[in-house]
Amino acid sequence: MALLHVNFFSNVLGMDTGLSIIMPEEKQEIGQIGVESVKQTDDLPVLWLLHGRSNDETMWARKTSLERYVGSMRLIVIMPSVSYSRYMNMAYGPRYYDYMTRELPVFCKKLLPKLSMKREKNYIGGLSMGGAGAMWIGLKNTDRYSRVCMLSTGGVPPLEGLWRKKTPGAMYLSLNNDVYGVEDVDTLEGTEYDILKLIRDTARTAREYPKVYHAMGQQDIRYPVAMAIKETFESIPGNPFEYEYHEGSGKHEWGFWDTWIEEYLKTLPEAE
């Protein structure tokens, strides 16, 4: 695979930002199988893979064997950097949701002409904050993403009280205020930021639904959040999201994410 590092100026963010990109190649190093062929006219599927709160665009490639896992897949993987924005238009900060959904796809299509813009060939996933971001973006744009993957999701309103100790003056209170305009995000229940409300509203109003894949570590302190999300998806009649939940031994750490990103990739059409 070709691993690209891209830096460019974002007009939406008003600053320079970075991307890591994995591109399929026909020939690989010893012990690695490439794709059968890469043609100039290819319309290649893309996985938008999102990082967690303390990460950046390089972490998926640095901390997992992602490049090896996708070596034989006809798949582009794009990993953006969004700081601690939760992939939102921040109350006191840049408009990262607009960047992710408007500017970035257009920029990447110009950079990578083989990248598909078709819904059925666009997938979005992530870990921790990135898992929540994938769900947030994927469910609000069901006409653009056919699959959503969330691993170890925890930091979502109004569920943080299920695992966080609300210590006055803690750093996360200030960060939450930057993102949402409030310190205690559990007060956002019933608002546009309520992830459970988003799931139910999308189930009721969407014309088409992304497949949702959810995995959580059994020893993860955020496990109660996963259970609340799982219960909400499973309460929807007919399972329109084709929701599937998985769990295994593991905490909030890279060993778990390395295992489960490989498992998720096996569910994609490109792995068949």
C-alpha atoms as a PDB file:
ATOM      1  CA  MET A   1       0.000   0.000   0.000  1.00  0.00           C
ATOM      2  CA  ALA A   2       1.020   3.604  -0.506  1.00  0.00           C
ATOM      3  CA  LEU A   3       0.925   5.675   2.682  1.00  0.00           C
ATOM      4  CA  LEU A   4       0.503   9.388   2.011  1.00  0.00           C
ATOM      5  CA  HIS A   5       0.819  12.308   4.414  1.00  0.00           C
ATOM      6  CA  VAL A   6      -0.935  15.441   3.174  1.00  0.00           C
ATOM      7  CA  ASN A   7      -0.877  18.936   4.627  1.00  0.00           C
ATOM      8  CA  PHE A   8      -3.069  21.697   3.221  1.00  0.00           C
ATOM      9  CA  PHE A   9      -4.868  24.890   4.149  1.00  0.00           C
ATOM     10  CA  SER A  10      -8.536  24.467   5.004  1.00  0.00           C
ATOM     11  CA  ASN A  11     -10.716  27.446   4.180  1.00  0.00           C
ATOM     12  CA  VAL A  12     -13.460  26.160   6.475  1.00  0.00           C
ATOM     13  CA  LEU A  13     -11.119  25.758   9.463  1.00  0.00           C
ATOM     14  CA  GLY A  14      -9.071  28.819   8.617  1.00  0.00           C
ATOM     15  CA  MET A  15      -5.808  26.979   9.242  1.00  0.00           C
ATOM     16  CA  ASP A  16      -3.488  24.269   7.985  1.00  0.00           C
ATOM     17  CA  THR A  17      -4.428  20.680   8.742  1.00  0.00           C
ATOM     18  CA  GLY A  18      -3.286  17.171   7.870  1.00  0.00           C
ATOM     19  CA  LEU A  19      -4.416  13.850   6.434  1.00  0.00           C
ATOM     20  CA  SER A  20      -3.012  10.347   6.320  1.00  0.00           C
ATOM     21  CA  ILE A  21      -4.139   8.289   3.322  1.00  0.00           C
ATOM     22  CA  ILE A  22      -3.656   4.630   2.416  1.00  0.00           C
ATOM     23  CA  MET A  23      -3.926   3.829  -1.294  1.00  0.00           C
ATOM     24  CA  PRO A  24      -4.072   0.333  -2.820  1.00  0.00           C
ATOM     25  CA  GLU A  25      -1.161  -0.889  -4.948  1.00  0.00           C
ATOM     26  CA  GLU A  26      -0.692  -3.940  -7.139  1.00  0.00           C
ATOM     27  CA  LYS A  27       2.743  -4.945  -5.876  1.00  0.00           C
ATOM     28  CA  GLN A  28       3.738  -5.184  -2.228  1.00  0.00           C
ATOM     29  CA  GLU A  29       6.772  -6.053  -0.177  1.00  0.00           C
ATOM     30  CA  ILE A  30       7.639  -9.645   0.746  1.00  0.00           C
ATOM     31  CA  GLY A  31       4.847 -11.288   2.728  1.00  0.00           C
ATOM     32  CA  GLN A  32       2.195  -8.756   1.690  1.00  0.00           C
ATOM     33  CA  ILE A  33      -0.424  -9.415  -0.995  1.00  0.00           C
ATOM     34  CA  GLY A  34      -1.473  -6.470  -3.142  1.00  0.00           C
ATOM     35  CA  VAL A  35      -4.617  -5.935  -5.187  1.00  0.00           C
ATOM     36  CA  GLU A  36      -5.001  -7.673  -8.533  1.00  0.00           C
ATOM     37  CA  SER A  37      -4.946  -4.477 -10.584  1.00  0.00           C
ATOM     38  CA  VAL A  38      -5.401  -0.745 -10.204  1.00  0.00           C
ATOM     39  CA  LYS A  39      -6.762   0.962 -13.306  1.00  0.00           C
ATOM     40  CA  GLN A  40      -6.847   4.640 -14.145  1.00  0.00           C
ATOM     41  CA  THR A  41     -10.628   4.448 -14.456  1.00  0.00           C
ATOM     42  CA  ASP A  42     -11.218   2.775 -11.101  1.00  0.00           C
ATOM     43  CA  ASP A  43     -13.990   4.060  -8.840  1.00  0.00           C
ATOM     44  CA  LEU A  44     -12.481   3.016  -5.515  1.00  0.00           C
ATOM     45  CA  PRO A  45     -14.421   2.678  -2.247  1.00  0.00           C
ATOM     46  CA  VAL A  46     -13.258   4.791   0.674  1.00  0.00           C
ATOM     47  CA  LEU A  47     -13.214   4.329   4.448  1.00  0.00           C
ATOM     48  CA  TRP A  48     -13.138   7.619   6.316  1.00  0.00           C
ATOM     49  CA  LEU A  49     -11.391   6.493   9.509  1.00  0.00           C
ATOM     50  CA  LEU A  50     -11.580   8.861  12.479  1.00  0.00           C
ATOM     51  CA  HIS A  51      -9.231   9.244  15.450  1.00  0.00           C
ATOM     52  CA  GLY A  52      -9.947   9.591  19.166  1.00  0.00           C
ATOM     53  CA  ARG A  53      -9.651  12.529  21.558  1.00  0.00           C
ATOM     54  CA  SER A  54      -5.933  12.313  22.291  1.00  0.00           C
ATOM     55  CA  ASN A  55      -4.942  11.289  18.740  1.00  0.00           C
ATOM     56  CA  ASP A  56      -4.237  12.800  15.343  1.00  0.00           C
ATOM     57  CA  GLU A  57      -4.323  11.692  11.711  1.00  0.00           C
ATOM     58  CA  THR A  58      -1.251   9.461  12.087  1.00  0.00           C
ATOM     59  CA  MET A  59      -2.365   7.251  14.957  1.00  0.00           C
ATOM     60  CA  TRP A  60      -4.300   4.537  13.121  1.00  0.00           C
ATOM     61  CA  ALA A  61      -1.282   3.802  10.929  1.00  0.00           C
ATOM     62  CA  ARG A  62       1.188   4.081  13.828  1.00  0.00           C
ATOM     63  CA  LYS A  63      -0.621   2.017  16.463  1.00  0.00           C
ATOM     64  CA  THR A  64      -2.331  -0.740  14.428  1.00  0.00           C
ATOM     65  CA  SER A  65      -1.527  -3.013  11.478  1.00  0.00           C
ATOM     66  CA  LEU A  66      -4.153  -1.208   9.387  1.00  0.00           C
ATOM     67  CA  GLU A  67      -1.899  -0.886   6.337  1.00  0.00           C
ATOM     68  CA  ARG A  68      -1.284  -4.627   6.344  1.00  0.00           C
ATOM     69  CA  TYR A  69      -4.983  -5.430   6.869  1.00  0.00           C
ATOM     70  CA  VAL A  70      -6.076  -3.456   3.806  1.00  0.00           C
ATOM     71  CA  GLY A  71      -3.140  -4.535   1.630  1.00  0.00           C
ATOM     72  CA  SER A  72      -5.188  -6.803  -0.612  1.00  0.00           C
ATOM     73  CA  MET A  73      -8.362  -4.691  -0.564  1.00  0.00           C
ATOM     74  CA  ARG A  74      -9.420  -2.306  -3.300  1.00  0.00           C
ATOM     75  CA  LEU A  75     -10.039   0.379  -0.697  1.00  0.00           C
ATOM     76  CA  ILE A  76      -8.820   3.899   0.037  1.00  0.00           C
ATOM     77  CA  VAL A  77      -8.519   4.799   3.730  1.00  0.00           C
ATOM     78  CA  ILE A  78      -8.575   8.498   4.621  1.00  0.00           C
ATOM     79  CA  MET A  79      -7.665   9.585   8.148  1.00  0.00           C
ATOM     80  CA  PRO A  80      -8.246  13.303   8.902  1.00  0.00           C
ATOM     81  CA  SER A  81      -7.178  15.328  11.925  1.00  0.00           C
ATOM     82  CA  VAL A  82      -9.786  17.248  13.935  1.00  0.00           C
ATOM     83  CA  SER A  83      -8.152  18.000  17.324  1.00  0.00           C
ATOM     84  CA  TYR A  84     -10.625  17.756  20.248  1.00  0.00           C
ATOM     85  CA  SER A  85     -13.658  18.885  18.274  1.00  0.00           C
ATOM     86  CA  ARG A  86     -15.816  15.778  18.507  1.00  0.00           C
ATOM     87  CA  TYR A  87     -16.289  16.311  14.765  1.00  0.00           C
ATOM     88  CA  MET A  88     -18.712  19.144  15.531  1.00  0.00           C
ATOM     89  CA  ASN A  89     -19.078  22.758  14.534  1.00  0.00           C
ATOM     90  CA  MET A  90     -17.640  23.932  17.834  1.00  0.00           C
ATOM     91  CA  ALA A  91     -19.360  26.550  19.970  1.00  0.00           C
ATOM     92  CA  TYR A  92     -15.972  28.202  20.515  1.00  0.00           C
ATOM     93  CA  GLY A  93     -13.747  26.873  17.780  1.00  0.00           C
ATOM     94  CA  PRO A  94     -13.578  25.792  14.132  1.00  0.00           C
ATOM     95  CA  ARG A  95     -16.455  24.256  12.158  1.00  0.00           C
ATOM     96  CA  TYR A  96     -15.170  20.687  11.988  1.00  0.00           C
ATOM     97  CA  TYR A  97     -18.497  19.153  10.962  1.00  0.00           C
ATOM     98  CA  ASP A  98     -18.633  21.423   7.928  1.00  0.00           C
ATOM     99  CA  TYR A  99     -15.007  20.578   7.199  1.00  0.00           C
ATOM    100  CA  MET A 100     -15.664  16.823   7.365  1.00  0.00           C
ATOM    101  CA  THR A 101     -18.873  16.827   5.344  1.00  0.00           C
ATOM    102  CA  ARG A 102     -18.377  19.655   2.845  1.00  0.00           C
ATOM    103  CA  GLU A 103     -14.767  20.646   2.271  1.00  0.00           C
ATOM    104  CA  LEU A 104     -12.811  17.444   2.892  1.00  0.00           C
ATOM    105  CA  PRO A 105     -14.658  15.136   0.439  1.00  0.00           C
ATOM    106  CA  VAL A 106     -14.298  17.708  -2.349  1.00  0.00           C
ATOM    107  CA  PHE A 107     -10.603  18.239  -1.613  1.00  0.00           C
ATOM    108  CA  CYS A 108      -9.915  14.498  -1.499  1.00  0.00           C
ATOM    109  CA  LYS A 109     -11.758  13.890  -4.780  1.00  0.00           C
ATOM    110  CA  LYS A 110      -9.532  16.464  -6.487  1.00  0.00           C
ATOM    111  CA  LEU A 111      -6.455  14.926  -4.885  1.00  0.00           C
ATOM    112  CA  LEU A 112      -7.533  11.327  -5.599  1.00  0.00           C
ATOM    113  CA  PRO A 113      -9.568  11.134  -8.824  1.00  0.00           C
ATOM    114  CA  LYS A 114     -10.152   7.381  -8.324  1.00  0.00           C
ATOM    115  CA  LEU A 115     -12.014   8.017  -5.071  1.00  0.00           C
ATOM    116  CA  SER A 116     -15.683   7.102  -5.342  1.00  0.00           C
ATOM    117  CA  MET A 117     -18.362   9.611  -4.369  1.00  0.00           C
ATOM    118  CA  LYS A 118     -21.107   6.972  -4.499  1.00  0.00           C
ATOM    119  CA  ARG A 119     -23.013   6.297  -1.293  1.00  0.00           C
ATOM    120  CA  GLU A 120     -22.599   2.541  -1.539  1.00  0.00           C
ATOM    121  CA  LYS A 121     -18.822   2.957  -1.696  1.00  0.00           C
ATOM    122  CA  ASN A 122     -18.398   5.393   1.207  1.00  0.00           C
ATOM    123  CA  TYR A 123     -17.930   4.080   4.743  1.00  0.00           C
ATOM    124  CA  ILE A 124     -17.144   5.974   7.938  1.00  0.00           C
ATOM    125  CA  GLY A 125     -15.766   4.631  11.215  1.00  0.00           C
ATOM    126  CA  GLY A 126     -13.613   5.480  14.173  1.00  0.00           C
ATOM    127  CA  LEU A 127     -12.530   4.782  17.724  1.00  0.00           C
ATOM    128  CA  SER A 128     -13.671   6.492  20.928  1.00  0.00           C
ATOM    129  CA  MET A 129     -14.346  10.136  19.985  1.00  0.00           C
ATOM    130  CA  GLY A 130     -13.977   9.039  16.363  1.00  0.00           C
ATOM    131  CA  GLY A 131     -16.601   6.335  16.808  1.00  0.00           C
ATOM    132  CA  ALA A 132     -19.022   8.942  18.090  1.00  0.00           C
ATOM    133  CA  GLY A 133     -18.004  11.237  15.230  1.00  0.00           C
ATOM    134  CA  ALA A 134     -18.626   8.481  12.698  1.00  0.00           C
ATOM    135  CA  MET A 135     -22.076   7.866  14.125  1.00  0.00           C
ATOM    136  CA  TRP A 136     -22.831  11.592  14.249  1.00  0.00           C
ATOM    137  CA  ILE A 137     -21.750  12.209  10.651  1.00  0.00           C
ATOM    138  CA  GLY A 138     -23.060   8.921   9.257  1.00  0.00           C
ATOM    139  CA  LEU A 139     -26.552   9.219  10.706  1.00  0.00           C
ATOM    140  CA  LYS A 140     -26.896  12.863   9.704  1.00  0.00           C
ATOM    141  CA  ASN A 141     -25.823  12.054   6.145  1.00  0.00           C
ATOM    142  CA  THR A 142     -27.489   8.753   5.332  1.00  0.00           C
ATOM    143  CA  ASP A 143     -27.527   9.668   1.651  1.00  0.00           C
ATOM    144  CA  ARG A 144     -23.700   9.730   1.583  1.00  0.00           C
ATOM    145  CA  TYR A 145     -22.505   6.830   3.757  1.00  0.00           C
ATOM    146  CA  SER A 146     -23.633   3.231   3.472  1.00  0.00           C
ATOM    147  CA  ARG A 147     -21.770   1.920   6.535  1.00  0.00           C
ATOM    148  CA  VAL A 148     -20.868   3.211   9.994  1.00  0.00           C
ATOM    149  CA  CYS A 149     -18.383   1.625  12.406  1.00  0.00           C
ATOM    150  CA  MET A 150     -17.997   2.727  16.014  1.00  0.00           C
ATOM    151  CA  LEU A 151     -15.399   1.236  18.319  1.00  0.00           C
ATOM    152  CA  SER A 152     -15.341   2.012  22.065  1.00  0.00           C
ATOM    153  CA  THR A 153     -17.658   5.008  21.808  1.00  0.00           C
ATOM    154  CA  GLY A 154     -17.968   6.884  25.082  1.00  0.00           C
ATOM    155  CA  GLY A 155     -17.946  10.671  24.899  1.00  0.00           C
ATOM    156  CA  VAL A 156     -21.476  11.385  23.692  1.00  0.00           C
ATOM    157  CA  PRO A 157     -24.279  13.494  25.180  1.00  0.00           C
ATOM    158  CA  PRO A 158     -26.250  12.722  27.253  1.00  0.00           C
ATOM    159  CA  LEU A 159     -24.376   9.602  28.399  1.00  0.00           C
ATOM    160  CA  GLU A 160     -21.097  10.850  29.858  1.00  0.00           C
ATOM    161  CA  GLY A 161     -22.462  10.702  33.374  1.00  0.00           C
ATOM    162  CA  LEU A 162     -22.572   6.916  33.024  1.00  0.00           C
ATOM    163  CA  TRP A 163     -18.799   6.766  33.317  1.00  0.00           C
ATOM    164  CA  ARG A 164     -17.156  10.154  33.981  1.00  0.00           C
ATOM    165  CA  LYS A 165     -16.548  11.476  37.460  1.00  0.00           C
ATOM    166  CA  LYS A 166     -17.869  14.998  37.309  1.00  0.00           C
ATOM    167  CA  THR A 167     -15.059  16.762  39.120  1.00  0.00           C
ATOM    168  CA  PRO A 168     -15.475  20.560  39.150  1.00  0.00           C
ATOM    169  CA  GLY A 169     -12.629  22.228  37.301  1.00  0.00           C
ATOM    170  CA  ALA A 170     -11.607  19.056  35.438  1.00  0.00           C
ATOM    171  CA  MET A 171     -10.086  19.629  32.005  1.00  0.00           C
ATOM    172  CA  TYR A 172     -12.887  17.877  30.164  1.00  0.00           C
ATOM    173  CA  LEU A 173     -15.432  20.401  31.477  1.00  0.00           C
ATOM    174  CA  SER A 174     -13.571  23.217  29.737  1.00  0.00           C
ATOM    175  CA  LEU A 175     -13.195  21.153  26.567  1.00  0.00           C
ATOM    176  CA  ASN A 176     -16.895  20.294  26.561  1.00  0.00           C
ATOM    177  CA  ASN A 177     -17.684  23.989  26.855  1.00  0.00           C
ATOM    178  CA  ASP A 178     -15.521  24.704  23.799  1.00  0.00           C
ATOM    179  CA  VAL A 179     -17.392  22.086  21.783  1.00  0.00           C
ATOM    180  CA  TYR A 180     -20.983  22.404  23.002  1.00  0.00           C
ATOM    181  CA  GLY A 181     -21.142  25.674  24.926  1.00  0.00           C
ATOM    182  CA  VAL A 182     -21.902  23.844  28.191  1.00  0.00           C
ATOM    183  CA  GLU A 183     -19.714  21.980  30.650  1.00  0.00           C
ATOM    184  CA  ASP A 184     -22.130  19.224  31.638  1.00  0.00           C
ATOM    185  CA  VAL A 185     -23.119  17.599  28.345  1.00  0.00           C
ATOM    186  CA  ASP A 186     -25.705  15.394  30.026  1.00  0.00           C
ATOM    187  CA  THR A 187     -27.866  18.525  30.188  1.00  0.00           C
ATOM    188  CA  LEU A 188     -28.135  18.257  26.405  1.00  0.00           C
ATOM    189  CA  GLU A 189     -30.622  15.400  26.596  1.00  0.00           C
ATOM    190  CA  GLY A 190     -33.379  15.942  24.054  1.00  0.00           C
ATOM    191  CA  THR A 191     -31.401  18.507  22.060  1.00  0.00           C
ATOM    192  CA  GLU A 192     -29.794  18.171  18.630  1.00  0.00           C
ATOM    193  CA  TYR A 193     -26.661  16.816  20.367  1.00  0.00           C
ATOM    194  CA  ASP A 194     -28.468  13.883  22.002  1.00  0.00           C
ATOM    195  CA  ILE A 195     -27.051  10.787  20.270  1.00  0.00           C
ATOM    196  CA  LEU A 196     -29.959   8.546  21.280  1.00  0.00           C
ATOM    197  CA  LYS A 197     -32.412  11.078  19.875  1.00  0.00           C
ATOM    198  CA  LEU A 198     -30.402  11.161  16.643  1.00  0.00           C
ATOM    199  CA  ILE A 199     -30.644   7.380  16.319  1.00  0.00           C
ATOM    200  CA  ARG A 200     -34.416   7.381  16.860  1.00  0.00           C
ATOM    201  CA  ASP A 201     -35.017  10.407  14.620  1.00  0.00           C
ATOM    202  CA  THR A 202     -32.911   8.929  11.809  1.00  0.00           C
ATOM    203  CA  ALA A 203     -34.784   5.636  12.045  1.00  0.00           C
ATOM    204  CA  ARG A 204     -38.064   7.523  11.667  1.00  0.00           C
ATOM    205  CA  THR A 205     -37.156   9.970   8.897  1.00  0.00           C
ATOM    206  CA  ALA A 206     -34.351   8.523   6.762  1.00  0.00           C
ATOM    207  CA  ARG A 207     -35.048   7.180   3.283  1.00  0.00           C
ATOM    208  CA  GLU A 208     -32.065   4.849   3.421  1.00  0.00           C
ATOM    209  CA  TYR A 209     -30.012   3.552   6.320  1.00  0.00           C
ATOM    210  CA  PRO A 210     -26.322   2.839   6.782  1.00  0.00           C
ATOM    211  CA  LYS A 211     -25.306  -0.510   8.210  1.00  0.00           C
ATOM    212  CA  VAL A 212     -24.079   0.060  11.756  1.00  0.00           C
ATOM    213  CA  TYR A 213     -21.261  -2.012  13.287  1.00  0.00           C
ATOM    214  CA  HIS A 214     -20.545  -1.520  16.997  1.00  0.00           C
ATOM    215  CA  ALA A 215     -17.790  -3.075  19.113  1.00  0.00           C
ATOM    216  CA  MET A 216     -16.873  -2.484  22.764  1.00  0.00           C
ATOM    217  CA  GLY A 217     -14.323  -3.817  25.224  1.00  0.00           C
ATOM    218  CA  GLN A 218     -15.778  -5.634  28.200  1.00  0.00           C
ATOM    219  CA  GLN A 219     -13.342  -3.953  30.584  1.00  0.00           C
ATOM    220  CA  ASP A 220     -13.751  -0.471  29.077  1.00  0.00           C
ATOM    221  CA  ILE A 221     -14.930   2.083  31.632  1.00  0.00           C
ATOM    222  CA  ARG A 222     -17.264   3.396  28.913  1.00  0.00           C
ATOM    223  CA  TYR A 223     -19.090   0.052  28.657  1.00  0.00           C
ATOM    224  CA  PRO A 224     -22.371   1.456  30.084  1.00  0.00           C
ATOM    225  CA  VAL A 225     -22.481   3.959  27.216  1.00  0.00           C
ATOM    226  CA  ALA A 226     -22.229   1.110  24.699  1.00  0.00           C
ATOM    227  CA  MET A 227     -25.112  -0.638  26.441  1.00  0.00           C
ATOM    228  CA  ALA A 228     -27.325   2.460  26.193  1.00  0.00           C
ATOM    229  CA  ILE A 229     -26.538   2.850  22.490  1.00  0.00           C
ATOM    230  CA  LYS A 230     -27.062  -0.876  21.896  1.00  0.00           C
ATOM    231  CA  GLU A 231     -30.420  -0.819  23.663  1.00  0.00           C
ATOM    232  CA  THR A 232     -31.574   2.128  21.553  1.00  0.00           C
ATOM    233  CA  PHE A 233     -30.640   0.513  18.240  1.00  0.00           C
ATOM    234  CA  GLU A 234     -32.167  -2.805  19.247  1.00  0.00           C
ATOM    235  CA  SER A 235     -35.424  -1.105  20.280  1.00  0.00           C
ATOM    236  CA  ILE A 236     -36.078   0.081  16.720  1.00  0.00           C
ATOM    237  CA  PRO A 237     -38.591  -2.244  15.004  1.00  0.00           C
ATOM    238  CA  GLY A 238     -37.257  -4.165  12.019  1.00  0.00           C
ATOM    239  CA  ASN A 239     -33.598  -3.246  12.651  1.00  0.00           C
ATOM    240  CA  PRO A 240     -33.412  -0.868   9.646  1.00  0.00           C
ATOM    241  CA  PHE A 241     -29.723  -0.135  10.345  1.00  0.00           C
ATOM    242  CA  GLU A 242     -28.869  -3.849  10.245  1.00  0.00           C
ATOM    243  CA  TYR A 243     -27.227  -3.044  13.558  1.00  0.00           C
ATOM    244  CA  GLU A 244     -24.731  -5.575  14.876  1.00  0.00           C
ATOM    245  CA  TYR A 245     -22.999  -5.439  18.215  1.00  0.00           C
ATOM    246  CA  HIS A 246     -19.770  -7.177  19.205  1.00  0.00           C
ATOM    247  CA  GLU A 247     -17.692  -7.214  22.336  1.00  0.00           C
ATOM    248  CA  GLY A 248     -14.538  -8.854  23.555  1.00  0.00           C
ATOM    249  CA  SER A 249     -11.939  -8.668  26.261  1.00  0.00           C
ATOM    250  CA  GLY A 250     -10.216  -5.299  26.333  1.00  0.00           C
ATOM    251  CA  LYS A 251     -10.026  -1.828  27.798  1.00  0.00           C
ATOM    252  CA  HIS A 252      -9.851   1.544  26.048  1.00  0.00           C
ATOM    253  CA  GLU A 253      -6.593   0.803  24.269  1.00  0.00           C
ATOM    254  CA  TRP A 254      -4.911   0.072  20.939  1.00  0.00           C
ATOM    255  CA  GLY A 255      -4.763  -3.689  21.349  1.00  0.00           C
ATOM    256  CA  PHE A 256      -8.560  -3.781  21.285  1.00  0.00           C
ATOM    257  CA  TRP A 257      -8.829  -1.361  18.347  1.00  0.00           C
ATOM    258  CA  ASP A 258      -6.215  -3.243  16.332  1.00  0.00           C
ATOM    259  CA  THR A 259      -8.223  -6.444  16.763  1.00  0.00           C
ATOM    260  CA  TRP A 260     -11.586  -4.952  15.930  1.00  0.00           C
ATOM    261  CA  ILE A 261     -10.639  -2.787  12.988  1.00  0.00           C
ATOM    262  CA  GLU A 262      -9.382  -5.981  11.370  1.00  0.00           C
ATOM    263  CA  GLU A 263     -12.670  -7.703  12.188  1.00  0.00           C
ATOM    264  CA  TYR A 264     -14.662  -4.801  10.797  1.00  0.00           C
ATOM    265  CA  LEU A 265     -12.693  -4.727   7.550  1.00  0.00           C
ATOM    266  CA  LYS A 266     -13.664  -8.375   7.007  1.00  0.00           C
ATOM    267  CA  THR A 267     -17.333  -7.297   6.813  1.00  0.00           C
ATOM    268  CA  LEU A 268     -16.783  -4.907   3.880  1.00  0.00           C
ATOM    269  CA  PRO A 269     -17.630  -5.978   0.325  1.00  0.00           C
ATOM    270  CA  GLU A 270     -14.011  -5.416  -0.682  1.00  0.00           C
ATOM    271  CA  ALA A 271     -12.919  -8.238   1.639  1.00  0.00           C
ATOM    272  CA  GLU A 272     -15.025 -10.829  -0.174  1.00  0.00           C
END
